[in-house]
């Protein structure tokens, strides 16, 4: 009897569970499916050539000469700007026709950047690190160029262990190359014209606050900042406008100082490149050392600004009261009074007339003094 009752209860429970599941299925409907986002060449990188407009720059057709090459390298090398659009990483770079379009289409460029990466995204700061002027083109390396720099330590190994990477694993180039291609021979273009021709890809016209500040300085200081030099006597803002943020900073006590003065030193560059050590005392540069590979260390510790001081940091302070008879006292308004203009206060007396000075007489001409 007990077994029959248990079997009946079990059947009722199973039937109610099936009915409840069927009711939920009918009311709720199909289960929602989650969206899946797959990263691929079409989704990882946007359209790098969107709104690409060729330039219309007029330039001379005279062939490039030695003087033009030197001027172009001097004015463009180490020049800083911003990327208008994403730039691919590594070789072969980009080929831009002068006043024309790129030789690569949008889809191919997206696949390259998805595979190799980007050297600079849109809006990132870039730097011209090398310029090579050829017969019909100008090769401009950005952020170190598309190829890994050569290191002789890669050819040396100890116990089959290389002293440096082999350039295949763990080491990759950091930049790209933009080739400006001309029809025929390379003309004698100026640095401003090259910047205008590169405008669809790069922008050299935007100014930071430091660059705008440099335009307000005298010509010798502004020229030094444009050539990325540091002069003894510059303040921190001038150094930032010239070299940007330092790679590292150091604060120590000067060994030659008797009172233990703390100085701050900014370090620019890393070996094997040239390294600059800029020492500040307060807000001014008091020492600059330049250490170049294979050359003696250059030390600059003499004032190089000819006593120039930033007018914004110069204030004139006058101590004491204004001098009698000065414009300040004469222009000061007098308080109200009931006295007539001819009357004087009780504490003031009429000025006594000055005694007439006796004429000087020679001793020989005064008989009473003989």
Protein backbone atom coordinates (compact mmCIF):
# COMPACT_ATOMS: atom_id res chain seq x y z
CA UNK A 1 0.00 0.00 0.00
CA UNK A 2 2.78 2.39 0.91
CA UNK A 3 4.59 1.68 -2.35
CA UNK A 4 1.46 2.49 -4.38
CA UNK A 5 0.98 5.83 -2.59
CA UNK A 6 4.64 6.78 -3.18
CA UNK A 7 4.38 5.91 -6.88
CA UNK A 8 1.20 8.01 -7.26
CA UNK A 9 2.83 11.02 -5.55
CA UNK A 10 5.93 10.70 -7.73
CA UNK A 11 3.80 10.65 -10.87
CA UNK A 12 1.85 13.71 -9.80
CA UNK A 13 5.09 15.62 -9.08
CA UNK A 14 6.59 14.75 -12.48
CA UNK A 15 3.40 15.76 -14.31
CA UNK A 16 3.24 19.13 -12.54
CA UNK A 17 6.91 19.81 -13.32
CA UNK A 18 6.36 19.08 -17.03
CA UNK A 19 3.30 21.33 -17.13
CA UNK A 20 5.17 24.17 -15.40
CA UNK A 21 8.12 23.90 -17.82
CA UNK A 22 5.76 23.92 -20.82
CA UNK A 23 3.99 26.99 -19.48
CA UNK A 24 7.28 28.88 -18.96
CA UNK A 25 8.40 27.94 -22.45
CA UNK A 26 5.21 29.27 -23.98
CA UNK A 27 5.23 32.55 -22.01
CA UNK A 28 8.93 33.40 -22.12
CA UNK A 29 9.66 32.36 -25.70
CA UNK A 30 13.08 31.61 -27.15
CA UNK A 31 16.10 32.37 -25.00
CA UNK A 32 18.02 35.55 -26.00
CA UNK A 33 21.34 35.11 -27.78
CA UNK A 34 24.39 37.14 -26.82
CA UNK A 35 26.13 39.31 -29.42
CA UNK A 36 29.64 38.20 -30.30
CA UNK A 37 32.17 40.84 -31.47
CA UNK A 38 34.95 39.37 -33.57
CA UNK A 39 38.12 41.46 -33.97
CA UNK A 40 39.42 41.35 -37.51
CA UNK A 41 40.98 43.50 -40.24
CA UNK A 42 37.68 45.29 -40.85
CA UNK A 43 36.88 46.07 -37.21
CA UNK A 44 40.21 46.61 -35.44
CA UNK A 45 41.27 49.62 -37.52
CA UNK A 46 39.05 52.41 -38.79
CA UNK A 47 39.25 53.89 -42.26
CA UNK A 48 42.77 55.37 -42.36
CA UNK A 49 42.15 57.22 -45.65
CA UNK A 50 38.81 58.76 -44.78
CA UNK A 51 38.41 62.34 -46.08
CA UNK A 52 41.75 62.18 -47.88
CA UNK A 53 42.15 65.31 -50.04
CA UNK A 54 45.16 65.87 -52.32
CA UNK A 55 47.05 69.12 -51.91
CA UNK A 56 47.51 71.93 -54.42
CA UNK A 57 50.91 73.35 -53.62
CA UNK A 58 52.78 75.41 -56.21
CA UNK A 59 56.53 74.89 -56.18
CA UNK A 60 59.44 75.60 -58.46
CA UNK A 61 60.57 73.15 -61.13
CA UNK A 62 64.26 73.96 -60.73
CA UNK A 63 66.26 70.79 -59.97
CA UNK A 64 67.51 70.12 -56.47
CA UNK A 65 71.10 71.15 -55.77
CA UNK A 66 73.52 70.70 -52.87
CA UNK A 67 72.47 73.92 -51.17
CA UNK A 68 68.81 72.97 -51.34
CA UNK A 69 69.54 69.54 -49.85
CA UNK A 70 71.47 71.02 -46.95
CA UNK A 71 68.77 73.56 -46.21
CA UNK A 72 66.04 70.93 -46.40
CA UNK A 73 67.85 68.59 -44.02
CA UNK A 74 68.67 71.41 -41.61
CA UNK A 75 65.10 72.68 -41.47
CA UNK A 76 63.25 69.34 -41.37
CA UNK A 77 65.47 66.99 -39.40
CA UNK A 78 64.16 66.44 -35.84
CA UNK A 79 61.09 68.53 -36.65
CA UNK A 80 58.04 67.61 -34.58
CA UNK A 81 54.40 67.47 -35.62
CA UNK A 82 51.21 65.46 -35.31
CA UNK A 83 49.78 62.60 -37.37
CA UNK A 84 46.63 63.50 -39.27
CA UNK A 85 45.74 59.82 -39.70
CA UNK A 86 47.06 56.43 -38.59
CA UNK A 87 50.45 55.43 -40.00
CA UNK A 88 51.57 51.79 -40.53
CA UNK A 89 54.52 50.30 -38.69
CA UNK A 90 57.65 49.17 -40.51
CA UNK A 91 58.44 48.71 -44.19
CA UNK A 92 57.53 49.51 -46.92
CA UNK A 93 55.91 52.66 -45.54
CA UNK A 94 53.72 54.98 -47.61
CA UNK A 95 54.27 56.53 -51.04
CA UNK A 96 52.56 59.89 -51.56
CA UNK A 97 52.51 61.59 -54.95
CA UNK A 98 53.17 65.32 -54.78
CA UNK A 99 49.76 67.01 -55.05
CA UNK A 100 48.30 63.54 -55.55
CA UNK A 101 47.08 60.48 -53.73
CA UNK A 102 48.70 57.52 -52.01
CA UNK A 103 49.73 54.44 -53.96
CA UNK A 104 47.91 52.15 -51.50
CA UNK A 105 44.15 51.78 -51.16
CA UNK A 106 42.14 51.89 -47.97
CA UNK A 107 41.56 48.11 -47.61
CA UNK A 108 45.20 47.18 -48.17
CA UNK A 109 46.34 49.74 -45.65
CA UNK A 110 43.89 48.43 -43.05
CA UNK A 111 45.18 44.88 -43.52
CA UNK A 112 48.78 46.03 -43.16
CA UNK A 113 48.08 47.88 -39.93
CA UNK A 114 46.10 44.92 -38.58
CA UNK A 115 49.01 42.60 -39.30
CA UNK A 116 52.04 44.78 -38.47
CA UNK A 117 50.59 47.44 -36.17
CA UNK A 118 50.68 51.24 -36.18
CA UNK A 119 53.67 53.50 -35.68
CA UNK A 120 51.42 56.46 -34.81
CA UNK A 121 47.69 56.83 -34.36
CA UNK A 122 45.73 59.86 -35.48
CA UNK A 123 46.66 62.79 -33.25
CA UNK A 124 49.90 61.27 -31.91
CA UNK A 125 53.08 63.33 -31.86
CA UNK A 126 55.65 62.36 -34.49
CA UNK A 127 59.25 63.35 -35.21
CA UNK A 128 61.26 63.41 -38.43
CA UNK A 129 64.33 61.30 -37.66
CA UNK A 130 65.97 60.99 -41.09
CA UNK A 131 65.74 62.51 -44.59
CA UNK A 132 67.12 61.04 -47.80
CA UNK A 133 66.81 63.08 -51.02
CA UNK A 134 66.98 60.97 -54.20
CA UNK A 135 66.55 61.64 -57.90
CA UNK A 136 62.75 61.72 -58.06
CA UNK A 137 61.68 61.39 -54.43
CA UNK A 138 62.30 62.41 -50.84
CA UNK A 139 62.31 59.66 -48.20
CA UNK A 140 61.23 60.92 -44.78
CA UNK A 141 61.64 58.56 -41.81
CA UNK A 142 59.18 59.04 -38.97
CA UNK A 143 59.82 57.95 -35.35
CA UNK A 144 62.98 56.00 -36.12
CA UNK A 145 62.20 54.71 -39.60
CA UNK A 146 60.77 51.42 -40.92
CA UNK A 147 63.88 49.30 -40.37
CA UNK A 148 65.56 48.10 -37.21
CA UNK A 149 68.80 49.95 -36.60
CA UNK A 150 71.99 47.93 -37.00
CA UNK A 151 73.85 46.83 -33.88
CA UNK A 152 77.22 45.13 -34.10
CA UNK A 153 76.55 43.23 -30.85
CA UNK A 154 74.12 41.02 -32.76
CA UNK A 155 77.13 39.43 -34.46
CA UNK A 156 78.83 38.52 -31.16
CA UNK A 157 77.84 35.55 -29.03
CA UNK A 158 79.39 33.77 -26.04
CA UNK A 159 78.68 30.04 -25.66
CA UNK A 160 76.07 30.32 -28.42
CA UNK A 161 74.28 33.05 -26.45
CA UNK A 162 74.03 36.32 -28.43
CA UNK A 163 74.90 39.49 -26.58
CA UNK A 164 72.02 41.31 -28.28
CA UNK A 165 68.83 40.31 -30.01
CA UNK A 166 68.99 38.96 -33.52
CA UNK A 167 66.43 41.45 -34.79
CA UNK A 168 63.80 38.74 -35.29
CA UNK A 169 62.47 37.91 -31.84
CA UNK A 170 61.59 40.65 -29.39
CA UNK A 171 62.89 43.54 -31.49
CA UNK A 172 60.82 45.46 -33.99
CA UNK A 173 61.11 48.80 -35.77
CA UNK A 174 59.38 51.74 -34.14
CA UNK A 175 58.54 54.01 -37.08
CA UNK A 176 57.64 54.23 -40.72
CA UNK A 177 58.73 55.97 -43.93
CA UNK A 178 56.83 58.43 -46.10
CA UNK A 179 58.11 58.76 -49.65
CA UNK A 180 57.20 62.00 -51.40
CA UNK A 181 57.25 61.13 -55.11
CA UNK A 182 57.60 63.78 -57.83
CA UNK A 183 57.02 63.65 -61.56
CA UNK A 184 60.47 63.79 -63.09
CA UNK A 185 63.42 65.01 -61.06
CA UNK A 186 63.17 66.23 -57.50
CA UNK A 187 62.63 70.02 -57.56
CA UNK A 188 64.31 72.49 -55.24
CA UNK A 189 61.46 72.62 -52.74
CA UNK A 190 61.73 74.39 -49.42
CA UNK A 191 60.93 72.98 -46.00
CA UNK A 192 57.63 74.88 -45.87
CA UNK A 193 56.60 73.44 -49.25
CA UNK A 194 57.44 69.89 -48.15
CA UNK A 195 55.35 70.36 -45.01
CA UNK A 196 52.46 71.60 -47.14
CA UNK A 197 52.76 68.58 -49.47
CA UNK A 198 52.70 66.22 -46.46
CA UNK A 199 49.62 67.91 -45.00
CA UNK A 200 47.23 65.00 -45.83
CA UNK A 201 49.33 62.76 -43.54
CA UNK A 202 51.19 65.04 -41.13
CA UNK A 203 50.53 68.41 -39.56
CA UNK A 204 53.46 70.64 -38.63
CA UNK A 205 51.38 73.76 -38.11
CA UNK A 206 49.86 73.02 -34.71
CA UNK A 207 51.60 74.79 -31.86
CA UNK A 208 51.79 73.76 -28.27
CA UNK A 209 51.84 76.27 -25.45
CA UNK A 210 55.65 76.00 -25.30
CA UNK A 211 55.98 76.75 -29.03
CA UNK A 212 53.63 79.71 -28.77
CA UNK A 213 55.69 80.93 -25.82
CA UNK A 214 58.89 80.61 -27.87
CA UNK A 215 57.46 83.00 -30.49
CA UNK A 216 57.37 85.77 -27.88
CA UNK A 217 61.10 85.55 -27.11
CA UNK A 218 63.92 87.56 -28.73
CA UNK A 219 65.35 86.28 -32.00
CA UNK A 220 68.56 84.68 -30.61
CA UNK A 221 66.66 82.70 -27.99
CA UNK A 222 63.88 81.76 -30.40
CA UNK A 223 66.40 80.54 -32.98
CA UNK A 224 68.13 78.43 -30.32
CA UNK A 225 64.79 76.86 -29.38
CA UNK A 226 63.96 76.14 -33.03
CA UNK A 227 67.33 74.39 -33.38
CA UNK A 228 66.63 72.40 -30.16
CA UNK A 229 69.53 73.88 -28.22
CA UNK A 230 69.81 74.76 -24.53
CA UNK A 231 71.60 77.92 -23.39
CA UNK A 232 72.83 78.70 -19.91
CA UNK A 233 70.37 81.14 -18.37
CA UNK A 234 67.20 79.64 -19.85
CA UNK A 235 64.29 78.91 -17.56
CA UNK A 236 62.36 75.65 -17.41
CA UNK A 237 59.72 76.76 -19.88
CA UNK A 238 62.35 77.62 -22.48
CA UNK A 239 63.99 74.21 -22.05
CA UNK A 240 60.63 72.46 -22.44
CA UNK A 241 59.97 74.43 -25.62
CA UNK A 242 63.38 73.44 -26.97
CA UNK A 243 63.70 69.75 -26.01
CA UNK A 244 60.37 68.75 -24.51
CA UNK A 245 59.99 66.60 -21.43
CA UNK A 246 63.25 64.97 -20.24
CA UNK A 247 63.83 61.24 -20.27
CA UNK A 248 64.68 61.32 -16.57
CA UNK A 249 65.14 63.77 -13.71
CA UNK A 250 67.64 63.75 -10.86
CA UNK A 251 67.75 65.70 -7.60
CA UNK A 252 70.97 65.73 -5.59
CA UNK A 253 73.01 67.91 -3.28
CA UNK A 254 75.84 69.77 -4.93
CA UNK A 255 79.18 68.43 -3.72
CA UNK A 256 80.91 71.76 -4.29
CA UNK A 257 78.33 73.67 -2.23
CA UNK A 258 79.13 74.32 1.43
CA UNK A 259 75.49 74.75 2.49
CA UNK A 260 74.32 71.53 0.80
CA UNK A 261 72.27 73.20 -1.92
CA UNK A 262 69.93 70.84 -3.78
CA UNK A 263 69.98 71.06 -7.57
CA UNK A 264 67.78 69.42 -10.19
CA UNK A 265 69.20 67.86 -13.35
CA UNK A 266 67.26 66.92 -16.48
CA UNK A 267 68.71 64.18 -18.67
CA UNK A 268 67.92 63.94 -22.39
CA UNK A 269 68.88 61.00 -24.61
CA UNK A 270 70.20 57.49 -24.12
CA UNK A 271 73.33 55.73 -25.26
CA UNK A 272 74.61 55.44 -27.96
CA UNK A 273 72.93 58.76 -28.81
CA UNK A 274 74.17 62.11 -27.55
CA UNK A 275 73.13 62.80 -23.97
CA UNK A 276 72.41 66.25 -22.53
CA UNK A 277 72.64 66.99 -18.81
CA UNK A 278 70.80 70.22 -17.94
CA UNK A 279 71.25 71.45 -14.37
CA UNK A 280 68.86 73.95 -12.80
CA UNK A 281 69.38 76.23 -9.85
CA UNK A 282 65.97 77.48 -8.94
CA UNK A 283 64.28 78.13 -12.29
CA UNK A 284 67.37 78.85 -14.39
CA UNK A 285 69.92 76.69 -16.19
CA UNK A 286 73.35 77.05 -14.61
CA UNK A 287 75.16 74.14 -16.27
CA UNK A 288 74.73 72.15 -19.48
CA UNK A 289 76.87 69.15 -20.45
CA UNK A 290 76.76 67.44 -23.84
CA UNK A 291 78.20 63.92 -24.03
CA UNK A 292 78.51 62.66 -27.62
CA UNK A 293 79.90 59.28 -28.60
CA UNK A 294 83.61 59.49 -29.43
CA UNK A 295 83.89 63.19 -28.50
CA UNK A 296 85.01 65.00 -25.35
CA UNK A 297 82.28 66.25 -23.04
CA UNK A 298 81.21 69.82 -23.77
CA UNK A 299 80.61 71.91 -20.66
CA UNK A 300 78.67 75.19 -20.75
CA UNK A 301 78.62 77.11 -17.47
CA UNK A 302 78.77 80.75 -18.61
CA UNK A 303 75.76 83.01 -19.06
CA UNK A 304 74.63 82.82 -22.71
CA UNK A 305 71.50 85.00 -22.67
CA UNK A 306 73.33 88.33 -22.27
CA UNK A 307 71.40 89.11 -19.09
CA UNK A 308 67.94 88.58 -20.60
CA UNK A 309 65.15 87.97 -18.11
CA UNK A 310 61.58 87.01 -18.86
CA UNK A 311 59.45 90.19 -18.52
CA UNK A 312 56.59 88.12 -17.11
CA UNK A 313 58.81 87.15 -14.16
CA UNK A 314 60.27 90.64 -13.59
CA UNK A 315 58.55 92.96 -11.11
CA UNK A 316 59.61 96.45 -9.94
CA UNK A 317 59.15 97.07 -6.24
CA UNK A 318 59.41 100.62 -4.81
CA UNK A 319 60.18 101.02 -1.13
CA UNK A 320 59.36 104.03 1.09
CA UNK A 321 57.10 107.04 0.60
CA UNK A 322 56.85 109.05 -2.54
CA UNK A 323 59.37 111.84 -2.90
CA UNK A 324 58.24 115.40 -2.34
CA UNK A 325 57.44 117.23 -5.53
CA UNK A 326 56.91 114.02 -7.47
CA UNK A 327 53.96 113.48 -9.74
CA UNK A 328 52.44 111.08 -7.23
CA UNK A 329 52.24 113.70 -4.46
CA UNK A 330 51.16 116.52 -6.76
CA UNK A 331 48.41 114.48 -8.35
CA UNK A 332 47.11 113.26 -4.98
CA UNK A 333 43.75 114.94 -4.26
CA UNK A 334 43.54 117.14 -1.13
CA UNK A 335 40.90 116.62 1.53
CA UNK A 336 37.93 119.01 1.94
CA UNK A 337 38.51 122.17 4.07
CA UNK A 338 36.53 125.28 5.29
CA UNK A 339 39.55 127.57 5.04
CA UNK A 340 39.99 130.07 2.31
CA UNK A 341 42.77 129.47 -0.17
CA UNK A 342 44.79 132.31 1.46
CA UNK A 343 44.46 130.90 5.01
CA UNK A 344 46.90 128.45 6.51
CA UNK A 345 46.46 125.87 9.23
CA UNK A 346 47.41 126.88 12.78
CA UNK A 347 50.39 124.53 12.86
CA UNK A 348 51.87 126.12 9.77
CA UNK A 349 53.58 129.50 9.83
CA UNK A 350 54.33 131.82 7.00
CA UNK A 351 57.61 131.05 5.37
CA UNK A 352 60.34 133.39 6.52
CA UNK A 353 62.06 135.22 3.74
CA UNK A 354 65.55 134.06 3.07
CA UNK A 355 68.36 136.38 4.10
CA UNK A 356 70.14 138.00 1.21
CA UNK A 357 73.51 136.56 0.67
CA UNK A 358 76.40 138.96 1.00
CA UNK A 359 78.52 139.40 -2.03
CA UNK A 360 81.88 137.82 -1.79
CA UNK A 361 84.62 140.40 -1.52
CA UNK A 362 88.27 139.75 -1.90
CA UNK A 363 90.38 140.30 1.22
CA UNK A 364 92.57 142.89 -0.44
CA UNK A 365 89.49 144.92 -1.46
CA UNK A 366 88.00 145.10 2.10
CA UNK A 367 89.82 147.83 4.08
CA UNK A 368 88.22 146.88 7.43
CA UNK A 369 89.68 143.38 7.17
CA UNK A 370 93.23 144.57 6.61
